[in-house]
C-alpha cells in the first residue's frame, strides 16, 4: 500500500512538472497554458488562434519569418522585463505597472517587442488590455530597433488593421490603439495601406473629440498646418482607391462640407474627379436617384467648376 502511494505521488509530481516546465525537442510542440519556456528556444505564434509552439533551434537551418499563419521569434535570456512578462502570462498581474513604467526605455522596449508573442494573447483579458496596448505603444514609439523586432514576430498589416474598429469610435481602447498605430508608422518603418487610410478617415469623421481627430490626422499626415486642410489632402488622395459605401460616403460628405465652407482649402485633382464620374455612372442604374443627384452636385458644383455645371446630368434623371 505504501509503495503504491509513493508511486502515485511520483506520478503526480511528474505531471505537475510537465505542466509547469516546457520540455523542448527538435520538433514544434504546443506550449500549454502555464508552462515556463526555457531561454533560447524558437517560438512561433499562430496568429489565428494565438497558440504558441516551441522547439530547439536547428543548426544550419534558416529561420523563416513568413510561414503561413505563423510568425517566429527567438526567446532571449531572462531579464527583469522577461520575468515580469512571464509573471503576467502565469496570472500574476502585479507586474503590469512595472512594465508600463519601463516600456518607454529604449533597451527595455526592444526586449518587450521581442516578447510580443507573449503579450498579444493577454489583450483578450479585459482588465489588462488597456495597459498591454500602453506597453506596446510606449515600447515602439521612436524605437526603430523595437519596431523591427515587433515586425519579426507580428504580421504588421494584419495587426494594424485589427486595431481599427469602425463600429464604435468611442470604445474604451480606441485612443490607446491609435497610439500603437501611430508608434508603428511614426518613424516610417511601416506604412499605411489605402484600406487603413480610409478606415482612419472614417474614424476621423465619427470622432467628436477634437483631440481624437488630431491624433488620427497626425497618423495620416504628420506634416504641419491646419487639421482640416490635412484631412482634405488625405481624403482627396485616398477616396479614389476605395469603394463608395456607407463609410466612404461619410468621408465624401465631410470633404464636400469643408470644401463648401472654404473653397480654397484644396483643389480636387483629376484622379478624384474621375472617381466621382465612375461612381455617377454606377449609380445611374439605381432606383433611388437621391444619392446620384448628390454625387452629381458634388462632382460639378462642389469639387468641379461650379459655374460650368453640366445640367444635362440632372436633366436625364
Protein backbone atom coordinates (compact mmCIF):
# COMPACT_ATOMS: atom_id res chain seq x y z
CA UNK A 1 0.00 0.00 0.00
CA UNK A 2 2.82 2.37 0.95
CA UNK A 3 4.71 1.66 -2.29
CA UNK A 4 1.57 2.37 -4.34
CA UNK A 5 1.17 5.70 -2.57
CA UNK A 6 4.80 6.62 -3.30
CA UNK A 7 4.33 5.72 -6.97
CA UNK A 8 1.17 7.81 -7.12
CA UNK A 9 2.93 10.82 -5.62
CA UNK A 10 5.86 10.47 -8.02
CA UNK A 11 3.50 10.32 -10.98
CA UNK A 12 1.68 13.37 -9.67
CA UNK A 13 4.95 15.30 -9.33
CA UNK A 14 5.95 14.36 -12.87
CA UNK A 15 2.57 15.54 -14.15
CA UNK A 16 2.81 18.86 -12.32
CA UNK A 17 6.37 19.36 -13.53
CA UNK A 18 5.29 18.66 -17.11
CA UNK A 19 2.66 21.36 -16.89
CA UNK A 20 4.99 23.94 -15.33
CA UNK A 21 8.14 23.33 -17.39
CA UNK A 22 8.05 23.04 -21.17
CA UNK A 23 10.18 20.08 -22.32
CA UNK A 24 11.62 21.07 -25.72
CA UNK A 25 12.61 18.89 -28.65
CA UNK A 26 13.67 19.48 -32.24
CA UNK A 27 10.00 19.27 -33.33
CA UNK A 28 7.42 22.02 -32.95
CA UNK A 29 5.27 21.44 -29.85
CA UNK A 30 2.29 23.37 -28.50
CA UNK A 31 3.11 25.32 -25.33
CA UNK A 32 0.32 24.71 -22.84
CA UNK A 33 -1.08 27.42 -20.61
CA UNK A 34 1.06 27.89 -17.51
CA UNK A 35 4.18 26.24 -18.91
CA UNK A 36 7.53 28.01 -18.49
CA UNK A 37 9.58 28.22 -21.70
CA UNK A 38 13.36 27.90 -21.20
CA UNK A 39 15.52 30.65 -22.78
CA UNK A 40 17.00 30.15 -26.26
CA UNK A 41 14.16 28.27 -27.94
CA UNK A 42 12.49 29.19 -31.20
CA UNK A 43 8.93 30.30 -30.59
CA UNK A 44 6.23 30.75 -33.18
CA UNK A 45 2.81 32.25 -32.66
CA UNK A 46 -0.25 31.07 -34.56
CA UNK A 47 -1.93 34.38 -35.41
CA UNK A 48 -5.31 32.74 -35.97
CA UNK A 49 -5.72 31.15 -32.53
CA UNK A 50 -2.86 32.88 -30.64
CA UNK A 51 -1.40 29.47 -29.74
CA UNK A 52 2.35 29.27 -29.10
CA UNK A 53 4.64 26.48 -30.32
CA UNK A 54 8.31 25.99 -29.46
CA UNK A 55 11.30 23.86 -30.44
CA UNK A 56 15.08 23.68 -30.05
CA UNK A 57 16.81 25.74 -32.79
CA UNK A 58 18.17 23.54 -35.58
CA UNK A 59 21.78 24.16 -36.57
CA UNK A 60 22.26 25.47 -40.07
CA UNK A 61 18.54 25.91 -40.69
CA UNK A 62 17.46 29.32 -41.90
CA UNK A 63 14.74 30.76 -39.73
CA UNK A 64 11.54 31.57 -41.56
CA UNK A 65 9.54 34.65 -40.65
CA UNK A 66 6.84 34.27 -43.28
CA UNK A 67 5.42 30.81 -42.62
CA UNK A 68 1.70 30.89 -43.33
CA UNK A 69 -0.30 31.80 -40.22
CA UNK A 70 2.83 31.74 -38.04
CA UNK A 71 5.49 34.23 -37.02
CA UNK A 72 8.79 33.19 -35.36
CA UNK A 73 10.91 34.78 -32.64
CA UNK A 74 13.92 33.54 -30.66
CA UNK A 75 13.39 33.85 -26.93
CA UNK A 76 16.08 35.95 -25.28
CA UNK A 77 17.81 35.17 -21.97
CA UNK A 78 15.92 36.04 -18.81
CA UNK A 79 15.85 39.64 -17.59
CA UNK A 80 13.70 41.59 -15.19
CA UNK A 81 11.48 42.52 -18.13
CA UNK A 82 11.08 38.97 -19.42
CA UNK A 83 10.44 37.70 -15.90
CA UNK A 84 7.76 40.36 -15.45
CA UNK A 85 6.16 39.33 -18.75
CA UNK A 86 6.33 35.66 -17.76
CA UNK A 87 4.66 36.54 -14.46
CA UNK A 88 1.82 38.15 -16.39
CA UNK A 89 1.35 35.09 -18.57
CA UNK A 90 1.16 32.97 -15.41
CA UNK A 91 -1.61 35.11 -13.94
CA UNK A 92 0.47 37.39 -11.69
CA UNK A 93 -0.83 40.79 -12.76
CA UNK A 94 1.14 42.73 -10.15
CA UNK A 95 3.99 43.21 -12.64
CA UNK A 96 1.85 45.21 -15.08
CA UNK A 97 2.71 48.59 -13.51
CA UNK A 98 6.43 47.81 -13.68
CA UNK A 99 6.16 47.03 -17.39
CA UNK A 100 4.16 50.20 -18.05
CA UNK A 101 6.85 52.27 -16.31
CA UNK A 102 9.77 50.58 -18.08
CA UNK A 103 8.30 50.24 -21.57
CA UNK A 104 9.47 53.69 -22.72
CA UNK A 105 13.12 52.79 -22.04
CA UNK A 106 14.85 52.10 -25.36
CA UNK A 107 16.56 48.83 -24.35
CA UNK A 108 13.58 47.57 -22.39
CA UNK A 109 11.35 48.45 -25.32
CA UNK A 110 13.37 46.13 -27.54
CA UNK A 111 13.03 43.28 -25.02
CA UNK A 112 9.28 43.88 -24.79
CA UNK A 113 8.99 43.83 -28.59
CA UNK A 114 10.90 40.54 -28.72
CA UNK A 115 8.38 39.07 -26.28
CA UNK A 116 5.30 40.43 -28.06
CA UNK A 117 4.13 36.88 -28.77
CA UNK A 118 3.55 36.51 -25.01
CA UNK A 119 1.85 39.88 -24.58
CA UNK A 120 -0.58 39.80 -27.51
CA UNK A 121 -2.75 36.95 -26.16
CA UNK A 122 -3.21 38.98 -22.96
CA UNK A 123 -5.18 41.57 -24.95
CA UNK A 124 -8.11 39.19 -24.63
CA UNK A 125 -8.16 39.82 -20.86
CA UNK A 126 -10.32 42.90 -20.40
CA UNK A 127 -8.66 44.12 -17.21
CA UNK A 128 -5.23 44.01 -18.87
CA UNK A 129 -5.91 45.08 -22.45
CA UNK A 130 -5.57 48.84 -21.95
CA UNK A 131 -2.23 48.51 -20.14
CA UNK A 132 -0.94 45.95 -22.66
CA UNK A 133 -1.69 48.38 -25.50
CA UNK A 134 0.02 51.11 -23.48
CA UNK A 135 3.12 48.93 -23.01
CA UNK A 136 3.28 48.06 -26.71
CA UNK A 137 2.79 51.69 -27.78
CA UNK A 138 5.49 53.01 -25.45
CA UNK A 139 7.97 50.29 -26.39
CA UNK A 140 7.59 51.03 -30.12
CA UNK A 141 7.44 54.83 -30.02
CA UNK A 142 10.60 56.37 -31.52
CA UNK A 143 12.33 52.99 -31.12
CA UNK A 144 13.28 51.67 -34.54
CA UNK A 145 15.01 48.54 -33.17
CA UNK A 146 11.89 47.63 -31.20
CA UNK A 147 9.75 48.21 -34.29
CA UNK A 148 11.91 45.84 -36.33
CA UNK A 149 11.77 43.18 -33.59
CA UNK A 150 8.00 43.58 -33.37
CA UNK A 151 7.78 43.24 -37.15
CA UNK A 152 9.73 39.96 -36.98
CA UNK A 153 7.03 38.49 -34.75
CA UNK A 154 3.77 40.01 -35.91
CA UNK A 155 2.13 40.25 -39.32
CA UNK A 156 2.13 44.05 -39.22
CA UNK A 157 -0.62 44.80 -41.76
CA UNK A 158 -2.97 42.30 -40.15
CA UNK A 159 -2.17 43.65 -36.70
CA UNK A 160 -2.65 47.29 -37.72
CA UNK A 161 -5.91 46.50 -39.46
CA UNK A 162 -7.18 44.79 -36.31
CA UNK A 163 -6.53 47.92 -34.27
CA UNK A 164 -9.25 49.89 -36.05
CA UNK A 165 -12.89 49.28 -35.17
CA UNK A 166 -15.29 51.22 -37.35
CA UNK A 167 -18.28 50.10 -35.31
CA UNK A 168 -17.69 52.39 -32.36
CA UNK A 169 -15.00 55.06 -32.21
CA UNK A 170 -15.98 55.75 -28.59
CA UNK A 171 -14.80 52.36 -27.37
CA UNK A 172 -12.54 52.49 -24.34
CA UNK A 173 -9.32 51.41 -26.05
CA UNK A 174 -9.66 53.46 -29.25
CA UNK A 175 -7.22 56.18 -28.20
CA UNK A 176 -4.54 53.81 -26.97
CA UNK A 177 -4.93 51.64 -30.10
CA UNK A 178 -4.34 54.74 -32.18
CA UNK A 179 -1.22 55.38 -30.08
CA UNK A 180 0.05 51.90 -31.03
CA UNK A 181 -0.70 52.57 -34.69
CA UNK A 182 1.00 55.96 -34.51
CA UNK A 183 4.07 54.40 -32.92
CA UNK A 184 4.31 51.84 -35.73
CA UNK A 185 4.14 54.37 -38.57
CA UNK A 186 5.76 57.33 -36.81
CA UNK A 187 9.34 56.60 -37.91
CA UNK A 188 8.41 55.41 -41.38
CA UNK A 189 9.32 51.81 -40.54
CA UNK A 190 5.84 50.67 -41.54
CA UNK A 191 3.41 52.26 -43.98
CA UNK A 192 -0.36 52.62 -44.01
CA UNK A 193 -2.02 50.97 -46.98
CA UNK A 194 -5.00 52.64 -48.67
CA UNK A 195 -7.52 50.50 -46.80
CA UNK A 196 -6.10 51.59 -43.44
CA UNK A 197 -6.04 55.22 -44.57
CA UNK A 198 -9.71 55.00 -45.48
CA UNK A 199 -10.55 53.43 -42.13
CA UNK A 200 -8.76 56.23 -40.32
CA UNK A 201 -10.64 58.82 -42.37
CA UNK A 202 -13.93 57.18 -41.38
CA UNK A 203 -12.88 57.24 -37.73
CA UNK A 204 -11.98 60.91 -38.10
CA UNK A 205 -15.49 61.71 -39.31
CA UNK A 206 -17.04 59.66 -36.49
CA UNK A 207 -14.92 61.27 -33.78
CA UNK A 208 -16.50 64.02 -31.72
CA UNK A 209 -13.40 64.92 -29.70
CA UNK A 210 -11.01 67.39 -31.29
CA UNK A 211 -8.06 65.69 -29.55
CA UNK A 212 -9.01 62.37 -31.14
CA UNK A 213 -9.23 63.99 -34.57
CA UNK A 214 -5.77 65.49 -34.07
CA UNK A 215 -4.39 62.06 -33.15
CA UNK A 216 -5.91 60.48 -36.26
CA UNK A 217 -4.66 63.20 -38.60
CA UNK A 218 -1.16 63.04 -37.14
CA UNK A 219 -1.07 59.34 -38.06
CA UNK A 220 -2.35 60.02 -41.58
CA UNK A 221 -0.35 63.17 -42.23
CA UNK A 222 2.39 64.20 -39.82
CA UNK A 223 3.02 67.47 -41.60
CA UNK A 224 2.28 70.90 -40.30
CA UNK A 225 -0.77 73.00 -40.95
CA UNK A 226 -4.47 73.12 -40.31
CA UNK A 227 -6.10 69.81 -39.34
CA UNK A 228 -8.97 70.34 -41.79
CA UNK A 229 -6.60 71.00 -44.66
CA UNK A 230 -4.58 67.88 -43.89
CA UNK A 231 -7.79 65.82 -43.70
CA UNK A 232 -8.82 67.11 -47.13
CA UNK A 233 -5.43 66.29 -48.64
CA UNK A 234 -5.51 62.71 -47.38
CA UNK A 235 -9.20 62.15 -48.21
CA UNK A 236 -8.85 63.51 -51.75
CA UNK A 237 -5.94 61.12 -52.33
CA UNK A 238 -7.39 58.04 -50.57
CA UNK A 239 -11.03 58.03 -51.72
CA UNK A 240 -10.25 57.15 -55.37
CA UNK A 241 -8.80 53.84 -54.11
CA UNK A 242 -11.96 52.97 -52.16
CA UNK A 243 -15.41 51.65 -52.95
CA UNK A 244 -18.27 54.07 -52.37
CA UNK A 245 -20.24 52.65 -49.44
CA UNK A 246 -21.82 53.85 -46.21
CA UNK A 247 -18.46 54.58 -44.58
CA UNK A 248 -16.81 56.28 -47.54
CA UNK A 249 -19.96 58.32 -48.17
CA UNK A 250 -19.44 59.83 -44.72
CA UNK A 251 -15.89 60.83 -45.66
CA UNK A 252 -17.02 62.27 -49.00
CA UNK A 253 -19.77 64.32 -47.36
CA UNK A 254 -17.33 65.72 -44.80
CA UNK A 255 -14.91 66.58 -47.60
CA UNK A 256 -17.72 68.32 -49.53
CA UNK A 257 -18.82 70.23 -46.44
CA UNK A 258 -15.32 71.55 -45.81
CA UNK A 259 -14.85 72.45 -49.48
CA UNK A 260 -18.09 74.44 -49.49
CA UNK A 261 -17.10 76.25 -46.30
CA UNK A 262 -13.73 77.24 -47.74
CA UNK A 263 -13.35 76.93 -51.50
CA UNK A 264 -9.59 77.46 -51.42
CA UNK A 265 -8.99 74.72 -48.85
CA UNK A 266 -7.82 72.33 -51.57
CA UNK A 267 -8.20 71.70 -55.29
CA UNK A 268 -9.65 68.39 -56.44
CA UNK A 269 -7.34 66.53 -58.80
CA UNK A 270 -8.29 64.69 -61.97
CA UNK A 271 -8.00 61.27 -60.30
CA UNK A 272 -10.56 62.26 -57.68
CA UNK A 273 -12.92 63.78 -60.26
CA UNK A 274 -12.64 60.67 -62.45
CA UNK A 275 -13.56 58.55 -59.42
CA UNK A 276 -16.69 60.65 -58.93
CA UNK A 277 -17.57 60.20 -62.63
CA UNK A 278 -17.19 56.43 -62.36
CA UNK A 279 -19.49 56.29 -59.34
CA UNK A 280 -22.03 58.57 -61.01
CA UNK A 281 -22.27 56.09 -63.88
CA UNK A 282 -22.60 53.19 -61.45
CA UNK A 283 -25.45 54.93 -59.62
CA UNK A 284 -27.45 55.59 -62.80
CA UNK A 285 -28.90 52.08 -62.64
CA UNK A 286 -30.13 52.53 -59.07
CA UNK A 287 -33.84 53.13 -58.46
CA UNK A 288 -33.10 55.66 -55.72
CA UNK A 289 -31.92 58.81 -57.52
CA UNK A 290 -31.15 60.82 -54.35
CA UNK A 291 -27.53 59.57 -54.00
CA UNK A 292 -26.99 60.13 -57.73
CA UNK A 293 -28.23 63.72 -57.56
CA UNK A 294 -26.00 64.31 -54.55
CA UNK A 295 -22.95 62.89 -56.29
CA UNK A 296 -23.55 64.89 -59.47
CA UNK A 297 -23.81 68.07 -57.42
CA UNK A 298 -20.54 67.24 -55.65
CA UNK A 299 -18.82 66.49 -58.96
CA UNK A 300 -19.75 69.68 -60.77
CA UNK A 301 -20.80 72.29 -58.21
CA UNK A 302 -18.58 71.48 -55.23
CA UNK A 303 -15.38 69.88 -56.50
CA UNK A 304 -15.52 70.87 -60.18
CA UNK A 305 -16.29 74.17 -61.87
CA UNK A 306 -19.47 75.31 -60.14
CA UNK A 307 -20.13 77.84 -62.90
CA UNK A 308 -19.88 75.19 -65.57
CA UNK A 309 -22.10 72.53 -64.02
CA UNK A 310 -23.43 70.12 -66.60
CA UNK A 311 -27.19 70.41 -66.21
CA UNK A 312 -27.78 67.58 -68.66
CA UNK A 313 -26.67 65.11 -65.99
CA UNK A 314 -29.55 66.18 -63.78
CA UNK A 315 -31.99 66.60 -66.65
CA UNK A 316 -31.53 62.94 -67.55
CA UNK A 317 -32.88 61.85 -64.15
